[in-house]
């Protein structure tokens, strides 16, 4: 069965964003920089320090990201990263970390199935934090 991974595109701040996500979520973070790849000779010098590919890997999920985009980067609202918890305290702690500096769309609140909240983080990425009732 395939694993679903989020793939995020940034406009030059991929390293900063992915380090922030690692601080919040934990896991192992790797970066592939353009200048360290065979593509370096095919890219203009201003792209050499950009992130070609990055992976934040935990036991539960992976987030992949890049600074490379073939066109102007336009943030959309159709993609969200959803973290589902079974422990309300863990969910609230993650909510507070990731929403810090961002724009809350739906405050973390109790619903019939548990708790849920949505926000756009300080890097313009859309998140849902959910906690199931036990």
C-alpha atoms as a PDB file:
ATOM      1  CA  UNK A   1       0.000   0.000   0.000  1.00  0.00           C
ATOM      2  CA  UNK A   2       1.462   3.419  -0.900  1.00  0.00           C
ATOM      3  CA  UNK A   3       2.203   5.993   1.778  1.00  0.00           C
ATOM      4  CA  UNK A   4       0.713   9.477   1.388  1.00  0.00           C
ATOM      5  CA  UNK A   5       3.283  12.243   1.915  1.00  0.00           C
ATOM      6  CA  UNK A   6       2.801  15.972   1.852  1.00  0.00           C
ATOM      7  CA  UNK A   7       5.083  17.815  -0.587  1.00  0.00           C
ATOM      8  CA  UNK A   8       5.549  21.488   0.064  1.00  0.00           C
ATOM      9  CA  UNK A   9       7.042  24.133  -2.221  1.00  0.00           C
ATOM     10  CA  UNK A  10       8.653  27.224  -0.719  1.00  0.00           C
ATOM     11  CA  UNK A  11       9.944  30.415  -2.288  1.00  0.00           C
ATOM     12  CA  UNK A  12      13.486  30.297  -0.922  1.00  0.00           C
ATOM     13  CA  UNK A  13      12.825  29.568   2.767  1.00  0.00           C
ATOM     14  CA  UNK A  14      12.522  25.778   2.626  1.00  0.00           C
ATOM     15  CA  UNK A  15      15.422  25.226   5.041  1.00  0.00           C
ATOM     16  CA  UNK A  16      13.938  27.605   7.625  1.00  0.00           C
ATOM     17  CA  UNK A  17      10.451  26.102   7.320  1.00  0.00           C
ATOM     18  CA  UNK A  18      11.583  22.481   7.496  1.00  0.00           C
ATOM     19  CA  UNK A  19      13.808  23.164  10.521  1.00  0.00           C
ATOM     20  CA  UNK A  20      10.808  24.802  12.188  1.00  0.00           C
ATOM     21  CA  UNK A  21       8.639  21.756  11.448  1.00  0.00           C
ATOM     22  CA  UNK A  22      11.370  19.479  12.811  1.00  0.00           C
ATOM     23  CA  UNK A  23      11.481  21.540  16.020  1.00  0.00           C
ATOM     24  CA  UNK A  24       7.702  21.172  16.350  1.00  0.00           C
ATOM     25  CA  UNK A  25       7.222  17.595  15.157  1.00  0.00           C
ATOM     26  CA  UNK A  26      10.551  15.872  15.778  1.00  0.00           C
ATOM     27  CA  UNK A  27      11.971  13.311  13.367  1.00  0.00           C
ATOM     28  CA  UNK A  28      14.962  13.102  11.076  1.00  0.00           C
ATOM     29  CA  UNK A  29      15.512  15.949   8.611  1.00  0.00           C
ATOM     30  CA  UNK A  30      17.641  15.760   5.471  1.00  0.00           C
ATOM     31  CA  UNK A  31      18.393  18.357   2.796  1.00  0.00           C
ATOM     32  CA  UNK A  32      19.633  18.029  -0.768  1.00  0.00           C
ATOM     33  CA  UNK A  33      21.109  21.368  -1.887  1.00  0.00           C
ATOM     34  CA  UNK A  34      21.253  22.150  -5.615  1.00  0.00           C
ATOM     35  CA  UNK A  35      25.033  22.799  -5.575  1.00  0.00           C
ATOM     36  CA  UNK A  36      25.626  19.302  -4.163  1.00  0.00           C
ATOM     37  CA  UNK A  37      23.800  17.530  -7.000  1.00  0.00           C
ATOM     38  CA  UNK A  38      24.488  16.767 -10.666  1.00  0.00           C
ATOM     39  CA  UNK A  39      21.924  19.470 -11.532  1.00  0.00           C
ATOM     40  CA  UNK A  40      24.192  22.267 -10.299  1.00  0.00           C
ATOM     41  CA  UNK A  41      25.817  22.696 -13.714  1.00  0.00           C
ATOM     42  CA  UNK A  42      22.400  23.094 -15.328  1.00  0.00           C
ATOM     43  CA  UNK A  43      21.136  25.716 -12.877  1.00  0.00           C
ATOM     44  CA  UNK A  44      21.910  29.451 -12.688  1.00  0.00           C
ATOM     45  CA  UNK A  45      24.242  30.369  -9.788  1.00  0.00           C
ATOM     46  CA  UNK A  46      21.435  32.052  -7.806  1.00  0.00           C
ATOM     47  CA  UNK A  47      19.806  28.610  -7.359  1.00  0.00           C
ATOM     48  CA  UNK A  48      22.898  26.772  -6.099  1.00  0.00           C
ATOM     49  CA  UNK A  49      22.106  27.311  -2.389  1.00  0.00           C
ATOM     50  CA  UNK A  50      18.412  26.484  -2.799  1.00  0.00           C
ATOM     51  CA  UNK A  51      16.915  23.259  -1.437  1.00  0.00           C
ATOM     52  CA  UNK A  52      16.275  20.794  -4.257  1.00  0.00           C
ATOM     53  CA  UNK A  53      14.677  18.224  -1.963  1.00  0.00           C
ATOM     54  CA  UNK A  54      14.112  17.873   1.764  1.00  0.00           C
ATOM     55  CA  UNK A  55      12.502  15.135   3.857  1.00  0.00           C
ATOM     56  CA  UNK A  56      11.290  15.251   7.444  1.00  0.00           C
ATOM     57  CA  UNK A  57      10.717  11.632   8.438  1.00  0.00           C
ATOM     58  CA  UNK A  58       9.138  10.293  11.612  1.00  0.00           C
ATOM     59  CA  UNK A  59       7.786   6.850  12.458  1.00  0.00           C
ATOM     60  CA  UNK A  60       4.276   8.088  11.608  1.00  0.00           C
ATOM     61  CA  UNK A  61       4.684  10.336   8.533  1.00  0.00           C
ATOM     62  CA  UNK A  62       6.955  12.130   6.075  1.00  0.00           C
ATOM     63  CA  UNK A  63       6.876  15.707   4.838  1.00  0.00           C
ATOM     64  CA  UNK A  64       8.867  16.479   1.699  1.00  0.00           C
ATOM     65  CA  UNK A  65       9.705  19.963   0.462  1.00  0.00           C
ATOM     66  CA  UNK A  66      11.631  22.036  -2.077  1.00  0.00           C
ATOM     67  CA  UNK A  67      12.512  25.602  -3.047  1.00  0.00           C
ATOM     68  CA  UNK A  68      12.349  24.678  -6.719  1.00  0.00           C
ATOM     69  CA  UNK A  69       9.300  25.698  -8.700  1.00  0.00           C
ATOM     70  CA  UNK A  70       9.018  26.054 -12.485  1.00  0.00           C
ATOM     71  CA  UNK A  71       6.735  29.075 -12.158  1.00  0.00           C
ATOM     72  CA  UNK A  72       5.743  31.802  -9.723  1.00  0.00           C
ATOM     73  CA  UNK A  73       4.755  30.287  -6.395  1.00  0.00           C
ATOM     74  CA  UNK A  74       1.095  30.905  -5.543  1.00  0.00           C
ATOM     75  CA  UNK A  75      -0.197  29.693  -2.219  1.00  0.00           C
ATOM     76  CA  UNK A  76      -3.507  27.881  -2.433  1.00  0.00           C
ATOM     77  CA  UNK A  77      -6.031  26.769   0.105  1.00  0.00           C
ATOM     78  CA  UNK A  78      -6.801  23.315  -1.292  1.00  0.00           C
ATOM     79  CA  UNK A  79      -3.986  21.415   0.421  1.00  0.00           C
ATOM     80  CA  UNK A  80      -3.780  20.881   4.162  1.00  0.00           C
ATOM     81  CA  UNK A  81      -1.530  18.822   6.333  1.00  0.00           C
ATOM     82  CA  UNK A  82      -3.630  16.902   8.831  1.00  0.00           C
ATOM     83  CA  UNK A  83      -2.246  15.505  12.078  1.00  0.00           C
ATOM     84  CA  UNK A  84      -4.602  13.159  13.929  1.00  0.00           C
ATOM     85  CA  UNK A  85      -4.044  12.420  17.603  1.00  0.00           C
ATOM     86  CA  UNK A  86      -5.665  10.180  20.200  1.00  0.00           C
ATOM     87  CA  UNK A  87      -4.414  12.268  23.131  1.00  0.00           C
ATOM     88  CA  UNK A  88      -5.915  15.738  23.666  1.00  0.00           C
ATOM     89  CA  UNK A  89      -2.871  17.095  25.505  1.00  0.00           C
ATOM     90  CA  UNK A  90      -0.534  16.105  22.666  1.00  0.00           C
ATOM     91  CA  UNK A  91      -2.924  17.605  20.123  1.00  0.00           C
ATOM     92  CA  UNK A  92      -3.198  20.900  22.019  1.00  0.00           C
ATOM     93  CA  UNK A  93       0.585  21.116  22.432  1.00  0.00           C
ATOM     94  CA  UNK A  94       1.111  20.617  18.705  1.00  0.00           C
ATOM     95  CA  UNK A  95      -1.626  23.135  17.926  1.00  0.00           C
ATOM     96  CA  UNK A  96       0.139  25.758  20.036  1.00  0.00           C
ATOM     97  CA  UNK A  97       3.535  25.071  18.448  1.00  0.00           C
ATOM     98  CA  UNK A  98       2.496  25.023  14.807  1.00  0.00           C
ATOM     99  CA  UNK A  99      -0.103  27.811  15.005  1.00  0.00           C
ATOM    100  CA  UNK A 100       2.382  30.173  16.683  1.00  0.00           C
ATOM    101  CA  UNK A 101       2.871  33.174  14.390  1.00  0.00           C
ATOM    102  CA  UNK A 102       0.216  31.934  11.986  1.00  0.00           C
ATOM    103  CA  UNK A 103      -3.415  32.749  11.201  1.00  0.00           C
ATOM    104  CA  UNK A 104      -6.061  30.704  13.029  1.00  0.00           C
ATOM    105  CA  UNK A 105      -9.030  29.822  10.830  1.00  0.00           C
ATOM    106  CA  UNK A 106     -10.923  27.608  13.324  1.00  0.00           C
ATOM    107  CA  UNK A 107      -9.806  27.620  16.964  1.00  0.00           C
ATOM    108  CA  UNK A 108      -8.965  24.241  18.463  1.00  0.00           C
ATOM    109  CA  UNK A 109     -12.339  23.275  19.882  1.00  0.00           C
ATOM    110  CA  UNK A 110     -14.444  20.293  20.873  1.00  0.00           C
ATOM    111  CA  UNK A 111     -16.750  18.725  18.313  1.00  0.00           C
ATOM    112  CA  UNK A 112     -18.948  15.617  18.337  1.00  0.00           C
ATOM    113  CA  UNK A 113     -16.059  13.362  17.263  1.00  0.00           C
ATOM    114  CA  UNK A 114     -13.307  14.961  19.330  1.00  0.00           C
ATOM    115  CA  UNK A 115     -11.363  18.182  18.893  1.00  0.00           C
ATOM    116  CA  UNK A 116     -10.345  20.007  15.739  1.00  0.00           C
ATOM    117  CA  UNK A 117      -8.811  23.262  14.627  1.00  0.00           C
ATOM    118  CA  UNK A 118      -7.432  24.733  11.429  1.00  0.00           C
ATOM    119  CA  UNK A 119      -4.864  27.423  10.742  1.00  0.00           C
ATOM    120  CA  UNK A 120      -2.348  28.700   8.251  1.00  0.00           C
ATOM    121  CA  UNK A 121       1.160  28.635   9.704  1.00  0.00           C
ATOM    122  CA  UNK A 122       3.689  31.445   9.485  1.00  0.00           C
ATOM    123  CA  UNK A 123       4.984  29.969   6.207  1.00  0.00           C
ATOM    124  CA  UNK A 124       1.557  30.022   4.519  1.00  0.00           C
ATOM    125  CA  UNK A 125       0.886  26.271   4.812  1.00  0.00           C
ATOM    126  CA  UNK A 126      -2.568  25.062   5.830  1.00  0.00           C
ATOM    127  CA  UNK A 127      -2.982  22.644   8.749  1.00  0.00           C
ATOM    128  CA  UNK A 128      -5.685  20.662  10.524  1.00  0.00           C
ATOM    129  CA  UNK A 129      -5.020  19.341  14.008  1.00  0.00           C
ATOM    130  CA  UNK A 130      -7.533  16.707  15.050  1.00  0.00           C
ATOM    131  CA  UNK A 131      -7.988  14.589  18.165  1.00  0.00           C
ATOM    132  CA  UNK A 132     -10.361  11.648  18.336  1.00  0.00           C
ATOM    133  CA  UNK A 133     -12.433  11.022  21.450  1.00  0.00           C
ATOM    134  CA  UNK A 134     -11.397   7.800  23.140  1.00  0.00           C
END
